[in-house]
Amino acid sequence: TSRITSGNVGEYVTAKVEKSEGVYTFTKDSTIKTDSNYGAILGDNKPITINAADKTLTIEAKKTANGFLTGIYHGGSVFGNTPKNGTITITAKTLNINAEGIGKTYGIYNYGDNLLRVHGDTNIIVKGATGSDVTGIEAALSGTTQLDGLILKQEKSSNAEHRAIRNMGKGSRIFVNMDESGVLGTSKVEIQGNILSDNE
């Protein structure tokens, strides 16, 4: 399956899923497969909008060889006073991210300074090698990851480098069932695994 990016991906244009640049509309339950470190969805400094209202969108990220694997990789970064235009917005009844690798494995990797916003329930299952870096949601730099409902299961491990959520950026933020002003939502949240914030 082709990776979703900020625009003009041949497979989705032909299938009339991407009718305008960077805007994808799924009218049925759909699965996107990847074995890449850049994930099934790759963000940059241009917006991506994924509309799958009332549908289930599943990302199957699986890598059987050693190497870095992600489900969603948001790498959009801008500096100075440049507008942050690289928001990824996903609207779905359910977003499933199943990430299974034998090396470093992240379900969501927000390695930028733009916004990743998911409207709807997000289910993440992440599994990686015992000796590798494995995280359900990894945040760095100064981006914001904002989810409504979340069920996250990180396979139990004795390795401290296996976490459900890690926020390691000086300005990065993760909101679950809460908006940026601190108002709580009504979505279900269930997290299995450690949560680590290791920067200021």
C-alpha atoms as a PDB file:
ATOM      1  CA  THR A   1       0.000   0.000   0.000  1.00  0.00           C
ATOM      2  CA  SER A   2       1.298   3.474  -0.821  1.00  0.00           C
ATOM      3  CA  ARG A   3       2.234   5.837   1.981  1.00  0.00           C
ATOM      4  CA  ILE A   4      -0.019   8.834   2.607  1.00  0.00           C
ATOM      5  CA  THR A   5       1.924  12.078   2.258  1.00  0.00           C
ATOM      6  CA  SER A   6       1.083  15.741   1.804  1.00  0.00           C
ATOM      7  CA  GLY A   7      -0.028  15.308  -1.751  1.00  0.00           C
ATOM      8  CA  ASN A   8      -0.458  13.687  -5.155  1.00  0.00           C
ATOM      9  CA  VAL A   9       0.095  10.036  -4.289  1.00  0.00           C
ATOM     10  CA  GLY A  10      -0.669   8.112  -7.476  1.00  0.00           C
ATOM     11  CA  GLU A  11      -2.484   5.155  -5.921  1.00  0.00           C
ATOM     12  CA  TYR A  12      -4.886   7.392  -4.000  1.00  0.00           C
ATOM     13  CA  VAL A  13      -5.395   9.854  -6.834  1.00  0.00           C
ATOM     14  CA  THR A  14      -6.319   7.007  -9.205  1.00  0.00           C
ATOM     15  CA  ALA A  15      -8.705   5.506  -6.642  1.00  0.00           C
ATOM     16  CA  LYS A  16     -10.263   8.958  -6.107  1.00  0.00           C
ATOM     17  CA  VAL A  17      -9.366   8.834  -2.432  1.00  0.00           C
ATOM     18  CA  GLU A  18      -7.152  11.891  -2.825  1.00  0.00           C
ATOM     19  CA  LYS A  19      -9.361  14.236  -4.854  1.00  0.00           C
ATOM     20  CA  SER A  20      -7.426  17.349  -3.894  1.00  0.00           C
ATOM     21  CA  GLU A  21      -3.815  17.649  -2.854  1.00  0.00           C
ATOM     22  CA  GLY A  22      -3.205  16.360   0.654  1.00  0.00           C
ATOM     23  CA  VAL A  23      -6.888  15.611   1.360  1.00  0.00           C
ATOM     24  CA  TYR A  24      -7.842  11.924   1.565  1.00  0.00           C
ATOM     25  CA  THR A  25     -11.406  10.633   1.953  1.00  0.00           C
ATOM     26  CA  PHE A  26     -12.058   6.997   2.804  1.00  0.00           C
ATOM     27  CA  THR A  27     -15.645   5.844   2.264  1.00  0.00           C
ATOM     28  CA  LYS A  28     -15.142   2.328   3.644  1.00  0.00           C
ATOM     29  CA  ASP A  29     -13.055   0.586   6.281  1.00  0.00           C
ATOM     30  CA  SER A  30      -9.485   0.594   4.984  1.00  0.00           C
ATOM     31  CA  THR A  31      -6.057  -0.808   5.835  1.00  0.00           C
ATOM     32  CA  ILE A  32      -2.686   0.728   5.004  1.00  0.00           C
ATOM     33  CA  LYS A  33       0.371  -1.511   5.272  1.00  0.00           C
ATOM     34  CA  THR A  34       3.972  -0.434   5.810  1.00  0.00           C
ATOM     35  CA  ASP A  35       7.360  -1.839   6.738  1.00  0.00           C
ATOM     36  CA  SER A  36       9.117   1.546   6.716  1.00  0.00           C
ATOM     37  CA  ASN A  37      10.692   3.836   9.267  1.00  0.00           C
ATOM     38  CA  TYR A  38       8.639   6.624   7.644  1.00  0.00           C
ATOM     39  CA  GLY A  39       5.353   4.897   8.422  1.00  0.00           C
ATOM     40  CA  ALA A  40       2.065   4.561   6.582  1.00  0.00           C
ATOM     41  CA  ILE A  41       1.441   8.300   7.051  1.00  0.00           C
ATOM     42  CA  LEU A  42       4.349  10.722   6.655  1.00  0.00           C
ATOM     43  CA  GLY A  43       3.914  14.355   7.637  1.00  0.00           C
ATOM     44  CA  ASP A  44       6.004  17.332   6.584  1.00  0.00           C
ATOM     45  CA  ASN A  45       5.442  21.084   6.434  1.00  0.00           C
ATOM     46  CA  LYS A  46       2.272  20.838   4.345  1.00  0.00           C
ATOM     47  CA  PRO A  47      -1.118  19.844   5.797  1.00  0.00           C
ATOM     48  CA  ILE A  48      -2.581  16.360   5.495  1.00  0.00           C
ATOM     49  CA  THR A  49      -6.297  15.796   6.079  1.00  0.00           C
ATOM     50  CA  ILE A  50      -7.677  12.270   6.320  1.00  0.00           C
ATOM     51  CA  ASN A  51     -11.449  11.939   6.414  1.00  0.00           C
ATOM     52  CA  ALA A  52     -12.755   8.518   7.440  1.00  0.00           C
ATOM     53  CA  ALA A  53     -15.767   9.558   9.480  1.00  0.00           C
ATOM     54  CA  ASP A  54     -17.771   6.586  10.790  1.00  0.00           C
ATOM     55  CA  LYS A  55     -15.132   4.245   9.311  1.00  0.00           C
ATOM     56  CA  THR A  56     -12.219   2.259  10.705  1.00  0.00           C
ATOM     57  CA  LEU A  57      -8.769   3.121   9.412  1.00  0.00           C
ATOM     58  CA  THR A  58      -6.110   0.526  10.229  1.00  0.00           C
ATOM     59  CA  ILE A  59      -2.356   0.887   9.930  1.00  0.00           C
ATOM     60  CA  GLU A  60      -0.522  -2.431   9.817  1.00  0.00           C
ATOM     61  CA  ALA A  61       3.157  -1.687  10.381  1.00  0.00           C
ATOM     62  CA  LYS A  62       5.226  -4.851  10.359  1.00  0.00           C
ATOM     63  CA  LYS A  63       8.926  -5.381   9.789  1.00  0.00           C
ATOM     64  CA  THR A  64      10.543  -8.822   9.839  1.00  0.00           C
ATOM     65  CA  ALA A  65      14.088  -7.547   9.252  1.00  0.00           C
ATOM     66  CA  ASN A  66      16.059  -5.456  11.693  1.00  0.00           C
ATOM     67  CA  GLY A  67      15.507  -1.725  11.357  1.00  0.00           C
ATOM     68  CA  PHE A  68      13.404   1.245  12.459  1.00  0.00           C
ATOM     69  CA  LEU A  69       9.610   0.974  12.064  1.00  0.00           C
ATOM     70  CA  THR A  70       6.790   3.467  12.649  1.00  0.00           C
ATOM     71  CA  GLY A  71       3.040   3.544  12.056  1.00  0.00           C
ATOM     72  CA  ILE A  72       2.751   7.334  11.714  1.00  0.00           C
ATOM     73  CA  TYR A  73       5.816   9.562  11.304  1.00  0.00           C
ATOM     74  CA  HIS A  74       5.300  13.320  11.565  1.00  0.00           C
ATOM     75  CA  GLY A  75       8.556  15.046  10.721  1.00  0.00           C
ATOM     76  CA  GLY A  76       7.388  18.501   9.746  1.00  0.00           C
ATOM     77  CA  SER A  77       9.550  21.217  11.284  1.00  0.00           C
ATOM     78  CA  VAL A  78       9.795  24.948  10.758  1.00  0.00           C
ATOM     79  CA  PHE A  79      11.990  27.443  12.541  1.00  0.00           C
ATOM     80  CA  GLY A  80      11.716  31.035  13.651  1.00  0.00           C
ATOM     81  CA  ASN A  81       8.439  32.811  12.975  1.00  0.00           C
ATOM     82  CA  THR A  82       7.538  30.709   9.947  1.00  0.00           C
ATOM     83  CA  PRO A  83       3.871  29.557  10.135  1.00  0.00           C
ATOM     84  CA  LYS A  84       3.378  25.968  11.248  1.00  0.00           C
ATOM     85  CA  ASN A  85       1.278  24.677   8.366  1.00  0.00           C
ATOM     86  CA  GLY A  86       2.045  20.958   8.557  1.00  0.00           C
ATOM     87  CA  THR A  87      -0.897  19.764  10.644  1.00  0.00           C
ATOM     88  CA  ILE A  88      -1.979  16.147  10.189  1.00  0.00           C
ATOM     89  CA  THR A  89      -5.707  15.851  10.913  1.00  0.00           C
ATOM     90  CA  ILE A  90      -7.297  12.401  11.018  1.00  0.00           C
ATOM     91  CA  THR A  91     -11.025  11.942  11.546  1.00  0.00           C
ATOM     92  CA  ALA A  92     -12.248   8.364  11.937  1.00  0.00           C
ATOM     93  CA  LYS A  93     -14.587   6.284  14.032  1.00  0.00           C
ATOM     94  CA  THR A  94     -11.511   4.246  14.969  1.00  0.00           C
ATOM     95  CA  LEU A  95      -7.845   4.557  14.070  1.00  0.00           C
ATOM     96  CA  ASN A  96      -5.994   1.279  14.672  1.00  0.00           C
ATOM     97  CA  ILE A  97      -2.198   1.239  14.684  1.00  0.00           C
ATOM     98  CA  ASN A  98      -0.578  -2.182  14.962  1.00  0.00           C
ATOM     99  CA  ALA A  99       3.203  -1.841  14.985  1.00  0.00           C
ATOM    100  CA  GLU A 100       5.361  -4.938  15.252  1.00  0.00           C
ATOM    101  CA  GLY A 101       9.074  -4.932  14.538  1.00  0.00           C
ATOM    102  CA  ILE A 102      12.270  -6.630  15.621  1.00  0.00           C
ATOM    103  CA  GLY A 103      14.178  -3.372  16.023  1.00  0.00           C
ATOM    104  CA  LYS A 104      13.280   0.147  17.158  1.00  0.00           C
ATOM    105  CA  THR A 105       9.500   0.413  16.829  1.00  0.00           C
ATOM    106  CA  TYR A 106       7.132   3.363  17.396  1.00  0.00           C
ATOM    107  CA  GLY A 107       3.371   3.417  16.860  1.00  0.00           C
ATOM    108  CA  ILE A 108       3.242   7.203  16.503  1.00  0.00           C
ATOM    109  CA  TYR A 109       6.419   9.262  16.123  1.00  0.00           C
ATOM    110  CA  ASN A 110       5.912  13.031  16.239  1.00  0.00           C
ATOM    111  CA  TYR A 111       9.396  14.240  15.472  1.00  0.00           C
ATOM    112  CA  GLY A 112       8.599  17.757  14.423  1.00  0.00           C
ATOM    113  CA  ASP A 113       7.027  20.960  15.642  1.00  0.00           C
ATOM    114  CA  ASN A 114       3.632  20.720  13.983  1.00  0.00           C
ATOM    115  CA  LEU A 115       0.337  19.242  15.182  1.00  0.00           C
ATOM    116  CA  LEU A 116      -0.948  15.676  14.873  1.00  0.00           C
ATOM    117  CA  ARG A 117      -4.675  15.674  15.682  1.00  0.00           C
ATOM    118  CA  VAL A 118      -6.872  12.568  15.749  1.00  0.00           C
ATOM    119  CA  HIS A 119     -10.644  12.964  16.093  1.00  0.00           C
ATOM    120  CA  GLY A 120     -12.105   9.631  17.180  1.00  0.00           C
ATOM    121  CA  ASP A 121     -10.792   6.609  19.064  1.00  0.00           C
ATOM    122  CA  THR A 122      -7.194   5.502  18.627  1.00  0.00           C
ATOM    123  CA  ASN A 123      -6.089   1.941  19.378  1.00  0.00           C
ATOM    124  CA  ILE A 124      -2.352   1.227  19.416  1.00  0.00           C
ATOM    125  CA  ILE A 125      -0.617  -2.116  19.869  1.00  0.00           C
ATOM    126  CA  VAL A 126       3.174  -1.956  19.745  1.00  0.00           C
ATOM    127  CA  LYS A 127       5.741  -4.745  19.947  1.00  0.00           C
ATOM    128  CA  GLY A 128       9.471  -4.791  19.309  1.00  0.00           C
ATOM    129  CA  ALA A 129      12.631  -6.676  20.141  1.00  0.00           C
ATOM    130  CA  THR A 130      13.584  -7.001  23.799  1.00  0.00           C
ATOM    131  CA  GLY A 131      16.821  -5.074  23.352  1.00  0.00           C
ATOM    132  CA  SER A 132      15.385  -2.257  21.243  1.00  0.00           C
ATOM    133  CA  ASP A 133      13.679   1.093  21.722  1.00  0.00           C
ATOM    134  CA  VAL A 134       9.895   0.486  21.624  1.00  0.00           C
ATOM    135  CA  THR A 135       7.212   3.131  22.239  1.00  0.00           C
ATOM    136  CA  GLY A 136       3.500   3.465  21.520  1.00  0.00           C
ATOM    137  CA  ILE A 137       3.626   7.274  21.209  1.00  0.00           C
ATOM    138  CA  GLU A 138       7.011   8.998  20.932  1.00  0.00           C
ATOM    139  CA  ALA A 139       7.181  12.808  20.961  1.00  0.00           C
ATOM    140  CA  ALA A 140      10.241  14.964  20.388  1.00  0.00           C
ATOM    141  CA  LEU A 141      11.246  18.528  19.477  1.00  0.00           C
ATOM    142  CA  SER A 142       8.197  20.792  19.961  1.00  0.00           C
ATOM    143  CA  GLY A 143       5.247  19.203  18.207  1.00  0.00           C
ATOM    144  CA  THR A 144       1.829  18.513  19.696  1.00  0.00           C
ATOM    145  CA  THR A 145       0.009  15.183  19.551  1.00  0.00           C
ATOM    146  CA  GLN A 146      -3.671  15.409  20.474  1.00  0.00           C
ATOM    147  CA  LEU A 147      -5.957  12.354  20.609  1.00  0.00           C
ATOM    148  CA  ASP A 148      -9.536  11.831  21.740  1.00  0.00           C
ATOM    149  CA  GLY A 149      -9.961   8.266  23.018  1.00  0.00           C
ATOM    150  CA  LEU A 150      -6.918   6.008  23.394  1.00  0.00           C
ATOM    151  CA  ILE A 151      -6.387   2.334  24.112  1.00  0.00           C
ATOM    152  CA  LEU A 152      -2.642   1.648  24.061  1.00  0.00           C
ATOM    153  CA  LYS A 153      -1.057  -1.722  24.729  1.00  0.00           C
ATOM    154  CA  GLN A 154       2.707  -2.021  24.832  1.00  0.00           C
ATOM    155  CA  GLU A 155       3.800  -5.616  25.286  1.00  0.00           C
ATOM    156  CA  LYS A 156       5.191  -6.147  28.782  1.00  0.00           C
ATOM    157  CA  SER A 157       8.975  -6.129  28.910  1.00  0.00           C
ATOM    158  CA  SER A 158      11.734  -5.909  31.488  1.00  0.00           C
ATOM    159  CA  ASN A 159      13.534  -3.431  29.225  1.00  0.00           C
ATOM    160  CA  ALA A 160      13.252   0.163  30.435  1.00  0.00           C
ATOM    161  CA  GLU A 161      13.426   1.290  26.808  1.00  0.00           C
ATOM    162  CA  HIS A 162       9.961  -0.198  26.216  1.00  0.00           C
ATOM    163  CA  ARG A 163       7.298   2.418  27.007  1.00  0.00           C
ATOM    164  CA  ALA A 164       3.672   3.155  26.229  1.00  0.00           C
ATOM    165  CA  ILE A 165       4.350   6.901  25.907  1.00  0.00           C
ATOM    166  CA  ARG A 166       7.550   8.938  25.961  1.00  0.00           C
ATOM    167  CA  ASN A 167       7.685  12.711  25.694  1.00  0.00           C
ATOM    168  CA  MET A 168      11.320  13.733  25.239  1.00  0.00           C
ATOM    169  CA  GLY A 169      11.087  17.150  23.575  1.00  0.00           C
ATOM    170  CA  LYS A 170      11.623  20.412  25.396  1.00  0.00           C
ATOM    171  CA  GLY A 171       8.466  21.792  23.811  1.00  0.00           C
ATOM    172  CA  SER A 172       6.587  18.661  22.738  1.00  0.00           C
ATOM    173  CA  ARG A 173       3.170  17.964  24.218  1.00  0.00           C
ATOM    174  CA  ILE A 174       0.768  15.039  24.252  1.00  0.00           C
ATOM    175  CA  PHE A 175      -2.935  15.469  25.043  1.00  0.00           C
ATOM    176  CA  VAL A 176      -5.282  12.500  25.476  1.00  0.00           C
ATOM    177  CA  ASN A 177      -9.007  13.073  26.131  1.00  0.00           C
ATOM    178  CA  MET A 178      -8.173  16.680  26.866  1.00  0.00           C
ATOM    179  CA  ASP A 179      -7.861  19.867  24.868  1.00  0.00           C
ATOM    180  CA  GLU A 180      -4.955  22.278  25.129  1.00  0.00           C
ATOM    181  CA  SER A 181      -6.791  24.415  27.681  1.00  0.00           C
ATOM    182  CA  GLY A 182      -7.119  21.416  30.022  1.00  0.00           C
ATOM    183  CA  VAL A 183     -10.806  20.672  29.460  1.00  0.00           C
ATOM    184  CA  LEU A 184     -11.484  16.948  29.848  1.00  0.00           C
ATOM    185  CA  GLY A 185     -13.421  14.992  27.250  1.00  0.00           C
ATOM    186  CA  THR A 186     -15.610  11.914  27.621  1.00  0.00           C
ATOM    187  CA  SER A 187     -13.595   9.392  25.599  1.00  0.00           C
ATOM    188  CA  LYS A 188     -12.233   6.110  26.929  1.00  0.00           C
ATOM    189  CA  VAL A 189      -8.543   6.004  27.872  1.00  0.00           C
ATOM    190  CA  GLU A 190      -6.683   2.817  28.757  1.00  0.00           C
ATOM    191  CA  ILE A 191      -2.879   2.678  28.750  1.00  0.00           C
ATOM    192  CA  GLN A 192      -0.822  -0.451  29.380  1.00  0.00           C
ATOM    193  CA  GLY A 193       2.851   0.327  29.853  1.00  0.00           C
ATOM    194  CA  ASN A 194       5.109   3.025  31.273  1.00  0.00           C
ATOM    195  CA  ILE A 195       4.812   6.756  30.639  1.00  0.00           C
ATOM    196  CA  LEU A 196       8.046   8.750  30.599  1.00  0.00           C
ATOM    197  CA  SER A 197       8.805  12.435  30.283  1.00  0.00           C
ATOM    198  CA  ASP A 198      12.557  12.928  30.253  1.00  0.00           C
ATOM    199  CA  ASN A 199      13.191  16.517  29.224  1.00  0.00           C
ATOM    200  CA  GLU A 200      12.246  19.995  30.411  1.00  0.00           C
END
